[in-house]
Amino acid sequence: MNVEEIRDFALSLADVTESFPFGPETIVFKTNNKMFLLLPLDEIDFLKINVKCNPELAVELRANYPDTVLPGYHMNKKHWNTVVIDGLLTWKSIKEMIEDSYRLVGKRR
């Protein structure tokens, strides 16, 4: 899994835009004019993403994957997770996290 695969997946969702409001090192994906995915381009060891998450699920995911799902870096720790793309989670699981974030922000069911 790489930056292009994540970018292509995010842009395949309806009404998604991408921008660089924090500088050239982070792609921000929005729907409904709200962020749902941050994709840093400057990671050295492992690719990481930030996704919005239901607070109860966020705690559960962090407990189940303590080195892979972390409180959101530079984000509201209650509502955002940083997910390390280190091979522990499947591509399907990561896509589900992105889709959940997209639905939470876009108020889609």
Protein backbone atom coordinates (compact mmCIF):
# COMPACT_ATOMS: atom_id res chain seq x y z
CA MET A 1 0.00 0.00 0.00
CA ASN A 2 1.36 3.36 -1.00
CA VAL A 3 0.45 7.03 -1.22
CA GLU A 4 -1.06 6.72 -4.71
CA GLU A 5 -3.32 3.82 -3.71
CA ILE A 6 -4.64 5.73 -0.71
CA ARG A 7 -5.04 8.92 -2.75
CA ASP A 8 -6.86 7.09 -5.56
CA PHE A 9 -9.20 5.42 -3.08
CA ALA A 10 -10.03 8.68 -1.30
CA LEU A 11 -10.70 10.47 -4.58
CA SER A 12 -12.97 7.62 -5.72
CA LEU A 13 -15.47 8.59 -3.00
CA ALA A 14 -18.23 11.02 -4.01
CA ASP A 15 -17.67 14.76 -3.62
CA VAL A 16 -14.08 14.56 -2.37
CA THR A 17 -11.53 17.31 -2.88
CA GLU A 18 -7.83 17.36 -2.12
CA SER A 19 -5.71 20.31 -1.09
CA PHE A 20 -2.49 21.26 0.69
CA PRO A 21 -3.59 23.83 3.32
CA PHE A 22 -0.75 22.85 5.70
CA GLY A 23 2.01 22.91 3.09
CA PRO A 24 3.29 20.57 0.38
CA GLU A 25 4.03 17.70 2.76
CA THR A 26 0.41 16.77 3.65
CA ILE A 27 -2.54 16.05 1.37
CA VAL A 28 -5.87 16.92 3.00
CA PHE A 29 -9.00 15.22 1.68
CA LYS A 30 -12.35 16.86 2.35
CA THR A 31 -16.01 16.16 1.81
CA ASN A 32 -18.77 18.55 2.72
CA ASN A 33 -15.90 21.07 3.06
CA LYS A 34 -14.58 19.17 6.11
CA MET A 35 -11.42 17.12 6.52
CA PHE A 36 -11.79 13.36 6.72
CA LEU A 37 -8.31 12.15 5.76
CA LEU A 38 -4.82 13.55 6.12
CA LEU A 39 -2.01 11.88 4.21
CA PRO A 40 1.49 13.04 5.13
CA LEU A 41 3.99 12.71 2.29
CA ASP A 42 7.13 13.19 4.38
CA GLU A 43 7.07 10.03 6.51
CA ILE A 44 10.40 8.22 6.59
CA ASP A 45 9.77 4.86 8.28
CA PHE A 46 6.13 4.02 7.56
CA LEU A 47 3.32 5.73 5.73
CA LYS A 48 0.69 7.13 8.13
CA ILE A 49 -2.79 8.54 7.77
CA ASN A 50 -5.09 10.50 10.07
CA VAL A 51 -8.77 9.56 10.03
CA LYS A 52 -11.77 10.69 12.03
CA CYS A 53 -13.33 7.98 14.18
CA ASN A 54 -16.23 7.38 16.52
CA PRO A 55 -14.70 7.99 20.00
CA GLU A 56 -15.66 4.56 21.40
CA LEU A 57 -14.32 2.76 18.33
CA ALA A 58 -11.15 4.88 18.44
CA VAL A 59 -10.37 3.63 21.94
CA GLU A 60 -11.09 0.02 20.92
CA LEU A 61 -8.86 0.20 17.85
CA ARG A 62 -6.02 1.73 19.85
CA ALA A 63 -6.31 -1.06 22.43
CA ASN A 64 -6.36 -3.79 19.76
CA TYR A 65 -3.50 -2.30 17.68
CA PRO A 66 -1.40 -0.29 20.18
CA ASP A 67 1.58 0.27 17.85
CA THR A 68 -0.47 0.76 14.69
CA VAL A 69 -3.50 2.86 15.69
CA LEU A 70 -2.54 5.88 17.78
CA PRO A 71 -4.29 9.02 19.02
CA GLY A 72 -4.46 11.50 16.14
CA TYR A 73 -1.18 13.35 15.69
CA HIS A 74 -1.85 17.12 15.85
CA MET A 75 -5.59 16.36 15.96
CA ASN A 76 -8.36 16.06 18.56
CA LYS A 77 -7.30 12.83 20.28
CA LYS A 78 -10.88 11.88 21.09
CA HIS A 79 -12.09 11.95 17.49
CA TRP A 80 -9.03 11.25 15.34
CA ASN A 81 -6.63 8.34 14.95
CA THR A 82 -3.26 8.16 13.30
CA VAL A 83 -2.94 4.82 11.52
CA VAL A 84 0.55 3.51 10.79
CA ILE A 85 0.63 1.59 7.51
CA ASP A 86 3.05 -1.07 8.73
CA GLY A 87 1.48 -4.23 7.29
CA LEU A 88 -0.42 -5.20 10.44
CA LEU A 89 -3.80 -3.96 9.15
CA THR A 90 -5.22 -5.21 5.87
CA TRP A 91 -5.93 -2.87 2.98
CA LYS A 92 -9.62 -3.71 3.51
CA SER A 93 -9.42 -2.53 7.16
CA ILE A 94 -7.69 0.68 6.19
CA LYS A 95 -10.27 1.40 3.48
CA GLU A 96 -13.03 0.82 6.06
CA MET A 97 -11.40 3.35 8.40
CA ILE A 98 -11.21 5.89 5.56
CA GLU A 99 -14.85 5.24 4.60
CA ASP A 100 -15.98 5.56 8.23
CA SER A 101 -14.19 8.89 8.50
CA TYR A 102 -15.75 10.03 5.23
CA ARG A 103 -19.24 9.11 6.46
CA LEU A 104 -18.74 10.79 9.85
CA VAL A 105 -17.63 14.06 8.28
CA GLY A 106 -20.06 14.01 5.38
CA LYS A 107 -23.01 12.85 7.50
CA ARG A 108 -23.52 9.98 5.04
CA ARG A 109 -24.94 6.62 6.08
